[in-house]
Amino acid sequence: MQPVNQARLQIHFCVLLWGFTAILGKLITLPALPLVWWRMLLVVAALLLMPRVWRGLRAMPARLIWAYAGIGVLVSLHWLTFYAAIKLSNASVGATCIALGPVFLAFIEPWIAKRRFDPRELLIGVAVVPGVVMVVGGVPHDMRLGIAVGVLSALFVAFFGSLNKRLVEHGDPLTVTFIELGTGTVFLTLLAPFIPHAGPAFMLPGAHDALLLLVLAFGCTLLPFTLALVALRHMSAFGTQMVTNLEPVYAIVLAIVLLGEQRELDGWFYAGVAVILAAVFMHPLLNRRARSTRQPELLGTAESHSMVD
């Protein structure tokens, strides 16, 4: 199997796992800050036990460690705003906002990756606007703050995805995961006193929350986060985010089945979701003709992001 095709399969598997993160975020009763703090801490604690991580740290230049640490701050802010959006609205709304990631990536990735701006990606950004308007009109007024926070989360996705793509080939994926999530844990610990009403980052979970946090940390974070970094070597940030936009589909279906959220949202919301997803999925169609006239693009060196939701 060609590396690009294998990378696509890996990303699709990651997105399937990420589809559960919004559901778990709603089921876990902890506030957003301690939820994210525990999610990151559990992964970091597991990685500390792996000799491969320590070998990777010793071999990595200090300048590169600091670069990954900075990305880790963006990852923590993305997850914090993502789960805050879910707490302020619901799992379906929080997941849908992440579909706006390609809109921001259309502008941010060319700037960070130092590649030419693609007007087709701007077209996708323009096409997604009516869907956003419909989504906002399809949720109760008390959930609209959740949409605003969710849009901010999508912006953080675009930044940390593009930066990860630029640096992804310079470090072992598990070591990079350790640095980014370790830095994110420390950052949230320091940030907590400055967030009104957030409380301390450390909040001991009950038995129910602890079990769900373990599933979230290892099944929906460590495994897909590391696989996404590996796949990112062969895909662009924008291309990766396009696949990641299946996450709202999985999350909404799961939210309907497990949480009954269809009772909270009207038809305008789901129509808006359809418009957003149709817009972002135009990307491979727009690129098909271009790919047929040139050698297939090797997307692993010159993204994203990657990822992570």
C-alpha atoms as a PDB file:
ATOM      1  CA  MET A   1       0.000   0.000   0.000  1.00  0.00           C
ATOM      2  CA  GLN A   2       1.324   3.446  -0.903  1.00  0.00           C
ATOM      3  CA  PRO A   3       2.272   5.665   2.072  1.00  0.00           C
ATOM      4  CA  VAL A   4      -0.315   8.304   1.141  1.00  0.00           C
ATOM      5  CA  ASN A   5      -3.158   5.753   1.041  1.00  0.00           C
ATOM      6  CA  GLN A   6      -2.020   4.218   4.319  1.00  0.00           C
ATOM      7  CA  ALA A   7      -1.913   7.684   5.870  1.00  0.00           C
ATOM      8  CA  ARG A   8      -5.493   8.349   4.748  1.00  0.00           C
ATOM      9  CA  LEU A   9      -6.679   5.101   6.357  1.00  0.00           C
ATOM     10  CA  GLN A  10      -4.874   6.024   9.568  1.00  0.00           C
ATOM     11  CA  ILE A  11      -6.503   9.447   9.630  1.00  0.00           C
ATOM     12  CA  HIS A  12      -9.961   7.950   9.019  1.00  0.00           C
ATOM     13  CA  PHE A  13      -9.418   5.592  11.966  1.00  0.00           C
ATOM     14  CA  CYS A  14      -8.293   8.525  14.116  1.00  0.00           C
ATOM     15  CA  VAL A  15     -11.390  10.504  13.146  1.00  0.00           C
ATOM     16  CA  LEU A  16     -13.625   7.581  14.113  1.00  0.00           C
ATOM     17  CA  LEU A  17     -12.021   7.586  17.582  1.00  0.00           C
ATOM     18  CA  TRP A  18     -12.194  11.388  17.796  1.00  0.00           C
ATOM     19  CA  GLY A  19     -15.922  11.170  17.097  1.00  0.00           C
ATOM     20  CA  PHE A  20     -16.317   9.840  20.633  1.00  0.00           C
ATOM     21  CA  THR A  21     -14.470  12.735  22.278  1.00  0.00           C
ATOM     22  CA  ALA A  22     -17.426  15.103  22.118  1.00  0.00           C
ATOM     23  CA  ILE A  23     -19.705  12.446  23.602  1.00  0.00           C
ATOM     24  CA  LEU A  24     -17.265  11.696  26.413  1.00  0.00           C
ATOM     25  CA  GLY A  25     -16.858  15.426  27.005  1.00  0.00           C
ATOM     26  CA  LYS A  26     -20.590  15.719  27.564  1.00  0.00           C
ATOM     27  CA  LEU A  27     -20.815  12.586  29.741  1.00  0.00           C
ATOM     28  CA  ILE A  28     -17.897  13.555  31.991  1.00  0.00           C
ATOM     29  CA  THR A  29     -19.243  15.855  34.688  1.00  0.00           C
ATOM     30  CA  LEU A  30     -15.963  17.701  35.329  1.00  0.00           C
ATOM     31  CA  PRO A  31     -15.721  21.288  34.024  1.00  0.00           C
ATOM     32  CA  ALA A  32     -13.757  21.834  30.814  1.00  0.00           C
ATOM     33  CA  LEU A  33     -10.465  22.843  32.454  1.00  0.00           C
ATOM     34  CA  PRO A  34      -9.951  19.850  34.783  1.00  0.00           C
ATOM     35  CA  LEU A  35     -11.322  17.540  32.074  1.00  0.00           C
ATOM     36  CA  VAL A  36      -8.600  18.611  29.644  1.00  0.00           C
ATOM     37  CA  TRP A  37      -5.982  18.686  32.404  1.00  0.00           C
ATOM     38  CA  TRP A  38      -6.654  15.053  33.343  1.00  0.00           C
ATOM     39  CA  ARG A  39      -6.844  14.012  29.689  1.00  0.00           C
ATOM     40  CA  MET A  40      -3.366  15.372  29.043  1.00  0.00           C
ATOM     41  CA  LEU A  41      -1.844  14.306  32.351  1.00  0.00           C
ATOM     42  CA  LEU A  42      -2.876  10.660  31.943  1.00  0.00           C
ATOM     43  CA  VAL A  43      -1.326  10.486  28.485  1.00  0.00           C
ATOM     44  CA  VAL A  44       1.880  12.168  29.653  1.00  0.00           C
ATOM     45  CA  ALA A  45       2.154   9.796  32.630  1.00  0.00           C
ATOM     46  CA  ALA A  46       1.857   6.785  30.309  1.00  0.00           C
ATOM     47  CA  LEU A  47       4.475   8.158  27.912  1.00  0.00           C
ATOM     48  CA  LEU A  48       6.907   8.744  30.784  1.00  0.00           C
ATOM     49  CA  LEU A  49       7.138   4.968  31.156  1.00  0.00           C
ATOM     50  CA  MET A  50       8.334   4.444  27.578  1.00  0.00           C
ATOM     51  CA  PRO A  51      12.135   4.334  27.029  1.00  0.00           C
ATOM     52  CA  ARG A  52      11.558   5.354  23.403  1.00  0.00           C
ATOM     53  CA  VAL A  53      10.278   8.731  24.579  1.00  0.00           C
ATOM     54  CA  TRP A  54      13.381   9.382  26.679  1.00  0.00           C
ATOM     55  CA  ARG A  55      15.658   8.386  23.811  1.00  0.00           C
ATOM     56  CA  GLY A  56      13.803  10.758  21.533  1.00  0.00           C
ATOM     57  CA  LEU A  57      14.154  13.599  24.040  1.00  0.00           C
ATOM     58  CA  ARG A  58      17.907  13.105  24.373  1.00  0.00           C
ATOM     59  CA  ALA A  59      18.331  13.142  20.602  1.00  0.00           C
ATOM     60  CA  MET A  60      16.204  16.246  20.018  1.00  0.00           C
ATOM     61  CA  PRO A  61      17.792  19.725  19.841  1.00  0.00           C
ATOM     62  CA  ALA A  62      16.662  22.174  22.520  1.00  0.00           C
ATOM     63  CA  ARG A  63      15.351  24.599  19.909  1.00  0.00           C
ATOM     64  CA  LEU A  64      13.054  21.917  18.477  1.00  0.00           C
ATOM     65  CA  ILE A  65      11.832  20.955  21.956  1.00  0.00           C
ATOM     66  CA  TRP A  66      10.832  24.568  22.570  1.00  0.00           C
ATOM     67  CA  ALA A  67       9.029  24.672  19.225  1.00  0.00           C
ATOM     68  CA  TYR A  68       6.976  21.575  20.067  1.00  0.00           C
ATOM     69  CA  ALA A  69       6.326  23.015  23.523  1.00  0.00           C
ATOM     70  CA  GLY A  70       4.827  26.125  21.940  1.00  0.00           C
ATOM     71  CA  ILE A  71       2.573  23.946  19.788  1.00  0.00           C
ATOM     72  CA  GLY A  72       1.537  22.122  22.967  1.00  0.00           C
ATOM     73  CA  VAL A  73       0.182  25.396  24.367  1.00  0.00           C
ATOM     74  CA  LEU A  74      -2.013  25.750  21.256  1.00  0.00           C
ATOM     75  CA  VAL A  75      -3.177  22.134  21.595  1.00  0.00           C
ATOM     76  CA  SER A  76      -4.227  22.739  25.196  1.00  0.00           C
ATOM     77  CA  LEU A  77      -6.108  25.908  24.226  1.00  0.00           C
ATOM     78  CA  HIS A  78      -7.864  24.038  21.423  1.00  0.00           C
ATOM     79  CA  TRP A  79      -9.025  21.269  23.748  1.00  0.00           C
ATOM     80  CA  LEU A  80      -9.992  23.732  26.473  1.00  0.00           C
ATOM     81  CA  THR A  81     -12.175  25.760  24.112  1.00  0.00           C
ATOM     82  CA  PHE A  82     -13.547  22.605  22.448  1.00  0.00           C
ATOM     83  CA  TYR A  83     -14.832  21.161  25.710  1.00  0.00           C
ATOM     84  CA  ALA A  84     -15.961  24.567  26.928  1.00  0.00           C
ATOM     85  CA  ALA A  85     -18.060  24.814  23.750  1.00  0.00           C
ATOM     86  CA  ILE A  86     -19.592  21.410  24.509  1.00  0.00           C
ATOM     87  CA  LYS A  87     -20.355  22.392  28.099  1.00  0.00           C
ATOM     88  CA  LEU A  88     -21.895  25.698  26.950  1.00  0.00           C
ATOM     89  CA  SER A  89     -23.982  24.054  24.209  1.00  0.00           C
ATOM     90  CA  ASN A  90     -23.889  20.322  23.463  1.00  0.00           C
ATOM     91  CA  ALA A  91     -21.755  17.667  21.772  1.00  0.00           C
ATOM     92  CA  SER A  92     -23.273  18.216  18.315  1.00  0.00           C
ATOM     93  CA  VAL A  93     -22.630  21.967  18.319  1.00  0.00           C
ATOM     94  CA  GLY A  94     -19.097  21.616  19.680  1.00  0.00           C
ATOM     95  CA  ALA A  95     -18.155  19.040  17.053  1.00  0.00           C
ATOM     96  CA  THR A  96     -19.736  20.995  14.202  1.00  0.00           C
ATOM     97  CA  CYS A  97     -17.635  24.070  14.947  1.00  0.00           C
ATOM     98  CA  ILE A  98     -14.480  22.053  14.286  1.00  0.00           C
ATOM     99  CA  ALA A  99     -15.650  21.702  10.671  1.00  0.00           C
ATOM    100  CA  LEU A 100     -14.726  25.375  10.309  1.00  0.00           C
ATOM    101  CA  GLY A 101     -11.053  24.423  10.609  1.00  0.00           C
ATOM    102  CA  PRO A 102     -10.447  24.319   6.819  1.00  0.00           C
ATOM    103  CA  VAL A 103     -11.757  27.868   6.514  1.00  0.00           C
ATOM    104  CA  PHE A 104      -8.936  29.112   8.751  1.00  0.00           C
ATOM    105  CA  LEU A 105      -6.427  26.670   7.266  1.00  0.00           C
ATOM    106  CA  ALA A 106      -7.016  28.099   3.800  1.00  0.00           C
ATOM    107  CA  PHE A 107      -5.297  31.274   5.032  1.00  0.00           C
ATOM    108  CA  ILE A 108      -3.001  30.028   7.812  1.00  0.00           C
ATOM    109  CA  GLU A 109      -1.338  27.001   6.217  1.00  0.00           C
ATOM    110  CA  PRO A 110       0.019  28.845   3.130  1.00  0.00           C
ATOM    111  CA  TRP A 111       1.465  31.483   5.461  1.00  0.00           C
ATOM    112  CA  ILE A 112       3.130  29.013   7.838  1.00  0.00           C
ATOM    113  CA  ALA A 113       4.155  26.457   5.208  1.00  0.00           C
ATOM    114  CA  LYS A 114       5.348  29.231   2.891  1.00  0.00           C
ATOM    115  CA  ARG A 115       3.413  27.877  -0.070  1.00  0.00           C
ATOM    116  CA  ARG A 116       1.275  29.654  -2.616  1.00  0.00           C
ATOM    117  CA  PHE A 117      -2.235  30.656  -1.596  1.00  0.00           C
ATOM    118  CA  ASP A 118      -4.867  28.423  -3.242  1.00  0.00           C
ATOM    119  CA  PRO A 119      -8.022  30.334  -4.293  1.00  0.00           C
ATOM    120  CA  ARG A 120      -9.986  27.073  -4.356  1.00  0.00           C
ATOM    121  CA  GLU A 121      -9.515  26.803  -0.606  1.00  0.00           C
ATOM    122  CA  LEU A 122     -10.826  30.362  -0.258  1.00  0.00           C
ATOM    123  CA  LEU A 123     -13.874  29.281  -2.271  1.00  0.00           C
ATOM    124  CA  ILE A 124     -14.523  26.596   0.313  1.00  0.00           C
ATOM    125  CA  GLY A 125     -14.215  29.200   3.059  1.00  0.00           C
ATOM    126  CA  VAL A 126     -16.809  31.411   1.402  1.00  0.00           C
ATOM    127  CA  ALA A 127     -19.145  28.475   0.743  1.00  0.00           C
ATOM    128  CA  VAL A 128     -19.155  27.454   4.407  1.00  0.00           C
ATOM    129  CA  VAL A 129     -20.498  30.838   5.630  1.00  0.00           C
ATOM    130  CA  PRO A 130     -24.197  30.137   4.834  1.00  0.00           C
ATOM    131  CA  GLY A 131     -23.909  26.887   6.761  1.00  0.00           C
ATOM    132  CA  VAL A 132     -22.551  28.710   9.791  1.00  0.00           C
ATOM    133  CA  VAL A 133     -25.450  31.158   9.648  1.00  0.00           C
ATOM    134  CA  MET A 134     -27.939  28.280   9.502  1.00  0.00           C
ATOM    135  CA  VAL A 135     -26.249  26.467  12.398  1.00  0.00           C
ATOM    136  CA  VAL A 136     -26.419  29.599  14.562  1.00  0.00           C
ATOM    137  CA  GLY A 137     -30.082  30.026  13.699  1.00  0.00           C
ATOM    138  CA  GLY A 138     -30.794  26.395  14.532  1.00  0.00           C
ATOM    139  CA  VAL A 139     -29.642  26.385  18.152  1.00  0.00           C
ATOM    140  CA  PRO A 140     -31.309  27.889  21.231  1.00  0.00           C
ATOM    141  CA  HIS A 141     -30.086  31.346  22.218  1.00  0.00           C
ATOM    142  CA  ASP A 142     -28.464  30.039  25.388  1.00  0.00           C
ATOM    143  CA  MET A 143     -26.149  27.839  23.280  1.00  0.00           C
ATOM    144  CA  ARG A 144     -24.763  30.571  21.045  1.00  0.00           C
ATOM    145  CA  LEU A 145     -21.888  31.396  23.358  1.00  0.00           C
ATOM    146  CA  GLY A 146     -20.866  27.772  22.858  1.00  0.00           C
ATOM    147  CA  ILE A 147     -20.717  28.385  19.091  1.00  0.00           C
ATOM    148  CA  ALA A 148     -18.426  31.392  19.545  1.00  0.00           C
ATOM    149  CA  VAL A 149     -16.077  29.379  21.757  1.00  0.00           C
ATOM    150  CA  GLY A 150     -16.226  26.494  19.277  1.00  0.00           C
ATOM    151  CA  VAL A 151     -15.174  28.773  16.411  1.00  0.00           C
ATOM    152  CA  LEU A 152     -12.197  29.879  18.513  1.00  0.00           C
ATOM    153  CA  SER A 153     -11.349  26.214  19.016  1.00  0.00           C
ATOM    154  CA  ALA A 154     -11.337  25.682  15.235  1.00  0.00           C
ATOM    155  CA  LEU A 155      -8.906  28.590  14.890  1.00  0.00           C
ATOM    156  CA  PHE A 156      -6.512  26.938  17.349  1.00  0.00           C
ATOM    157  CA  VAL A 157      -6.801  23.706  15.319  1.00  0.00           C
ATOM    158  CA  ALA A 158      -5.673  25.554  12.205  1.00  0.00           C
ATOM    159  CA  PHE A 159      -2.633  27.030  13.930  1.00  0.00           C
ATOM    160  CA  PHE A 160      -1.357  23.959  15.740  1.00  0.00           C
ATOM    161  CA  GLY A 161      -2.119  21.710  12.766  1.00  0.00           C
ATOM    162  CA  SER A 162      -0.127  23.850  10.375  1.00  0.00           C
ATOM    163  CA  LEU A 163       2.798  24.146  12.772  1.00  0.00           C
ATOM    164  CA  ASN A 164       2.832  20.408  13.464  1.00  0.00           C
ATOM    165  CA  LYS A 165       2.883  19.732   9.738  1.00  0.00           C
ATOM    166  CA  ARG A 166       5.918  21.951   9.303  1.00  0.00           C
ATOM    167  CA  LEU A 167       7.859  20.184  12.080  1.00  0.00           C
ATOM    168  CA  VAL A 168       6.385  16.673  12.017  1.00  0.00           C
ATOM    169  CA  GLU A 169       9.350  14.977  10.347  1.00  0.00           C
ATOM    170  CA  HIS A 170      11.882  16.235  12.875  1.00  0.00           C
ATOM    171  CA  GLY A 171      10.887  14.131  15.875  1.00  0.00           C
ATOM    172  CA  ASP A 172       9.609  10.739  16.977  1.00  0.00           C
ATOM    173  CA  PRO A 173       5.769  10.865  17.147  1.00  0.00           C
ATOM    174  CA  LEU A 174       5.579   9.564  20.726  1.00  0.00           C
ATOM    175  CA  THR A 175       8.244  12.015  21.866  1.00  0.00           C
ATOM    176  CA  VAL A 176       6.458  14.888  20.130  1.00  0.00           C
ATOM    177  CA  THR A 177       3.183  13.837  21.768  1.00  0.00           C
ATOM    178  CA  PHE A 178       4.880  13.798  25.172  1.00  0.00           C
ATOM    179  CA  ILE A 179       6.381  17.261  24.732  1.00  0.00           C
ATOM    180  CA  GLU A 180       3.200  18.854  23.417  1.00  0.00           C
ATOM    181  CA  LEU A 181       0.811  17.332  25.938  1.00  0.00           C
ATOM    182  CA  GLY A 182       3.269  17.714  28.806  1.00  0.00           C
ATOM    183  CA  THR A 183       3.667  21.401  28.036  1.00  0.00           C
ATOM    184  CA  GLY A 184      -0.096  21.729  27.684  1.00  0.00           C
ATOM    185  CA  THR A 185      -0.619  20.219  31.131  1.00  0.00           C
ATOM    186  CA  VAL A 186       1.818  22.653  32.734  1.00  0.00           C
ATOM    187  CA  PHE A 187       0.313  25.583  30.825  1.00  0.00           C
ATOM    188  CA  LEU A 188      -3.240  24.810  31.956  1.00  0.00           C
ATOM    189  CA  THR A 189      -2.051  24.458  35.544  1.00  0.00           C
ATOM    190  CA  LEU A 190      -0.569  27.959  35.379  1.00  0.00           C
ATOM    191  CA  LEU A 191      -3.536  29.364  33.441  1.00  0.00           C
ATOM    192  CA  ALA A 192      -6.250  28.124  35.808  1.00  0.00           C
ATOM    193  CA  PRO A 193      -6.056  30.976  38.374  1.00  0.00           C
ATOM    194  CA  PHE A 194      -6.626  33.531  35.600  1.00  0.00           C
ATOM    195  CA  ILE A 195      -9.808  31.951  34.178  1.00  0.00           C
ATOM    196  CA  PRO A 196     -12.903  33.295  35.993  1.00  0.00           C
ATOM    197  CA  HIS A 197     -15.020  30.587  37.627  1.00  0.00           C
ATOM    198  CA  ALA A 198     -12.801  27.825  36.213  1.00  0.00           C
ATOM    199  CA  GLY A 199     -11.507  26.698  39.591  1.00  0.00           C
ATOM    200  CA  PRO A 200      -8.246  24.775  40.011  1.00  0.00           C
ATOM    201  CA  ALA A 201      -6.893  22.654  37.173  1.00  0.00           C
ATOM    202  CA  PHE A 202      -6.659  19.741  39.587  1.00  0.00           C
ATOM    203  CA  MET A 203     -10.036  18.352  40.597  1.00  0.00           C
ATOM    204  CA  LEU A 204     -10.264  14.728  41.705  1.00  0.00           C
ATOM    205  CA  PRO A 205     -12.820  12.899  39.515  1.00  0.00           C
ATOM    206  CA  GLY A 206     -15.363  10.427  40.823  1.00  0.00           C
ATOM    207  CA  ALA A 207     -15.326   6.770  39.799  1.00  0.00           C
ATOM    208  CA  HIS A 208     -17.672   7.357  36.832  1.00  0.00           C
ATOM    209  CA  ASP A 209     -15.628  10.275  35.491  1.00  0.00           C
ATOM    210  CA  ALA A 210     -12.339   8.461  36.144  1.00  0.00           C
ATOM    211  CA  LEU A 211     -13.363   5.530  33.956  1.00  0.00           C
ATOM    212  CA  LEU A 212     -14.476   7.811  31.131  1.00  0.00           C
ATOM    213  CA  LEU A 213     -11.270   9.855  31.444  1.00  0.00           C
ATOM    214  CA  LEU A 214      -9.199   6.703  30.968  1.00  0.00           C
ATOM    215  CA  VAL A 215     -11.112   5.894  27.791  1.00  0.00           C
ATOM    216  CA  LEU A 216     -10.721   9.488  26.608  1.00  0.00           C
ATOM    217  CA  ALA A 217      -7.001   9.661  27.417  1.00  0.00           C
ATOM    218  CA  PHE A 218      -5.845   6.391  25.922  1.00  0.00           C
ATOM    219  CA  GLY A 219      -8.472   5.335  23.390  1.00  0.00           C
ATOM    220  CA  CYS A 220      -9.324   8.784  22.031  1.00  0.00           C
ATOM    221  CA  THR A 221      -6.112  10.754  22.664  1.00  0.00           C
ATOM    222  CA  LEU A 222      -2.831   8.829  22.866  1.00  0.00           C
ATOM    223  CA  LEU A 223      -3.574   6.378  20.063  1.00  0.00           C
ATOM    224  CA  PRO A 224      -5.130   8.748  17.486  1.00  0.00           C
ATOM    225  CA  PHE A 225      -2.865  11.713  18.331  1.00  0.00           C
ATOM    226  CA  THR A 226       0.257   9.630  17.670  1.00  0.00           C
ATOM    227  CA  LEU A 227      -1.196   7.977  14.552  1.00  0.00           C
ATOM    228  CA  ALA A 228      -2.164  11.394  13.191  1.00  0.00           C
ATOM    229  CA  LEU A 229       1.392  12.668  13.586  1.00  0.00           C
ATOM    230  CA  VAL A 230       2.664   9.638  11.653  1.00  0.00           C
ATOM    231  CA  ALA A 231       0.078  10.108   8.901  1.00  0.00           C
ATOM    232  CA  LEU A 232       0.857  13.804   8.688  1.00  0.00           C
ATOM    233  CA  ARG A 233       4.230  12.963   7.184  1.00  0.00           C
ATOM    234  CA  HIS A 234       2.387  12.010   3.991  1.00  0.00           C
ATOM    235  CA  MET A 235      -0.578  14.400   3.963  1.00  0.00           C
ATOM    236  CA  SER A 236      -1.029  18.177   3.964  1.00  0.00           C
ATOM    237  CA  ALA A 237      -2.586  19.953   6.905  1.00  0.00           C
ATOM    238  CA  PHE A 238      -5.553  20.993   4.786  1.00  0.00           C
ATOM    239  CA  GLY A 239      -5.984  17.466   3.410  1.00  0.00           C
ATOM    240  CA  THR A 240      -5.824  16.013   6.907  1.00  0.00           C
ATOM    241  CA  GLN A 241      -8.369  18.509   8.193  1.00  0.00           C
ATOM    242  CA  MET A 242     -10.676  17.614   5.301  1.00  0.00           C
ATOM    243  CA  VAL A 243     -10.800  14.015   6.527  1.00  0.00           C
ATOM    244  CA  THR A 244     -11.125  15.257  10.099  1.00  0.00           C
ATOM    245  CA  ASN A 245     -14.347  16.969   9.106  1.00  0.00           C
ATOM    246  CA  LEU A 246     -16.030  13.577   9.250  1.00  0.00           C
ATOM    247  CA  GLU A 247     -15.737  13.935  13.035  1.00  0.00           C
ATOM    248  CA  PRO A 248     -18.907  16.067  13.358  1.00  0.00           C
ATOM    249  CA  VAL A 249     -20.820  13.431  11.394  1.00  0.00           C
ATOM    250  CA  TYR A 250     -19.776  10.689  13.783  1.00  0.00           C
ATOM    251  CA  ALA A 251     -20.277  12.930  16.813  1.00  0.00           C
ATOM    252  CA  ILE A 252     -23.769  14.064  15.784  1.00  0.00           C
ATOM    253  CA  VAL A 253     -24.925  10.510  15.047  1.00  0.00           C
ATOM    254  CA  LEU A 254     -23.521   9.314  18.372  1.00  0.00           C
ATOM    255  CA  ALA A 255     -25.064  12.288  20.195  1.00  0.00           C
ATOM    256  CA  ILE A 256     -28.485  11.462  18.742  1.00  0.00           C
ATOM    257  CA  VAL A 257     -28.198   7.776  19.638  1.00  0.00           C
ATOM    258  CA  LEU A 258     -26.562   8.121  23.051  1.00  0.00           C
ATOM    259  CA  LEU A 259     -27.636  11.558  24.291  1.00  0.00           C
ATOM    260  CA  GLY A 260     -30.895  12.268  22.436  1.00  0.00           C
ATOM    261  CA  GLU A 261     -29.641  15.693  21.349  1.00  0.00           C
ATOM    262  CA  GLN A 262     -32.001  15.868  18.379  1.00  0.00           C
ATOM    263  CA  ARG A 263     -34.567  17.201  20.852  1.00  0.00           C
ATOM    264  CA  GLU A 264     -32.419  20.289  21.491  1.00  0.00           C
ATOM    265  CA  LEU A 265     -31.795  21.312  17.868  1.00  0.00           C
ATOM    266  CA  ASP A 266     -34.102  22.113  14.965  1.00  0.00           C
ATOM    267  CA  GLY A 267     -33.922  21.456  11.239  1.00  0.00           C
ATOM    268  CA  TRP A 268     -31.928  24.617  10.513  1.00  0.00           C
ATOM    269  CA  PHE A 269     -29.030  23.266  12.545  1.00  0.00           C
ATOM    270  CA  TYR A 270     -28.830  20.030  10.588  1.00  0.00           C
ATOM    271  CA  ALA A 271     -29.272  21.858   7.288  1.00  0.00           C
ATOM    272  CA  GLY A 272     -26.375  24.124   8.246  1.00  0.00           C
ATOM    273  CA  VAL A 273     -24.234  21.107   9.128  1.00  0.00           C
ATOM    274  CA  ALA A 274     -24.993  19.638   5.694  1.00  0.00           C
ATOM    275  CA  VAL A 275     -23.921  22.879   3.980  1.00  0.00           C
ATOM    276  CA  ILE A 276     -20.679  23.093   5.995  1.00  0.00           C
ATOM    277  CA  LEU A 277     -19.719  19.500   5.270  1.00  0.00           C
ATOM    278  CA  ALA A 278     -20.643  19.795   1.587  1.00  0.00           C
ATOM    279  CA  ALA A 279     -18.435  22.871   1.332  1.00  0.00           C
ATOM    280  CA  VAL A 280     -15.383  21.317   2.944  1.00  0.00           C
ATOM    281  CA  PHE A 281     -15.752  18.099   0.953  1.00  0.00           C
ATOM    282  CA  MET A 282     -15.580  20.115  -2.271  1.00  0.00           C
ATOM    283  CA  HIS A 283     -11.822  20.287  -1.767  1.00  0.00           C
ATOM    284  CA  PRO A 284     -10.955  16.827  -3.192  1.00  0.00           C
ATOM    285  CA  LEU A 285     -13.363  17.383  -6.090  1.00  0.00           C
ATOM    286  CA  LEU A 286     -11.777  20.721  -6.943  1.00  0.00           C
ATOM    287  CA  ASN A 287      -8.325  19.172  -6.778  1.00  0.00           C
ATOM    288  CA  ARG A 288      -9.139  16.067  -8.831  1.00  0.00           C
ATOM    289  CA  ARG A 289      -8.617  17.769 -12.172  1.00  0.00           C
ATOM    290  CA  ALA A 290      -5.399  19.384 -10.976  1.00  0.00           C
ATOM    291  CA  ARG A 291      -4.040  16.052  -9.767  1.00  0.00           C
ATOM    292  CA  SER A 292      -4.822  14.412 -13.094  1.00  0.00           C
ATOM    293  CA  THR A 293      -2.527  16.870 -14.889  1.00  0.00           C
ATOM    294  CA  ARG A 294       0.466  16.609 -12.590  1.00  0.00           C
ATOM    295  CA  GLN A 295       2.335  13.998 -10.638  1.00  0.00           C
ATOM    296  CA  PRO A 296       0.466  12.953  -7.471  1.00  0.00           C
ATOM    297  CA  GLU A 297       1.466  15.304  -4.704  1.00  0.00           C
ATOM    298  CA  LEU A 298       3.587  13.936  -1.928  1.00  0.00           C
ATOM    299  CA  LEU A 299       2.091  15.756   1.009  1.00  0.00           C
ATOM    300  CA  GLY A 300       4.534  14.765   3.668  1.00  0.00           C
ATOM    301  CA  THR A 301       7.272  17.307   3.492  1.00  0.00           C
ATOM    302  CA  ALA A 302       6.824  20.638   2.598  1.00  0.00           C
ATOM    303  CA  GLU A 303       0.380  20.599   7.098  1.00  0.00           C
ATOM    304  CA  SER A 304      -1.432  20.710   9.094  1.00  0.00           C
ATOM    305  CA  HIS A 305      -1.568  20.109  11.792  1.00  0.00           C
ATOM    306  CA  SER A 306      -2.534  17.896  12.817  1.00  0.00           C
ATOM    307  CA  MET A 307      -4.159  17.248  14.743  1.00  0.00           C
ATOM    308  CA  VAL A 308      -6.098  17.007  17.207  1.00  0.00           C
ATOM    309  CA  ASP A 309      -9.383  16.608  18.306  1.00  0.00           C
END
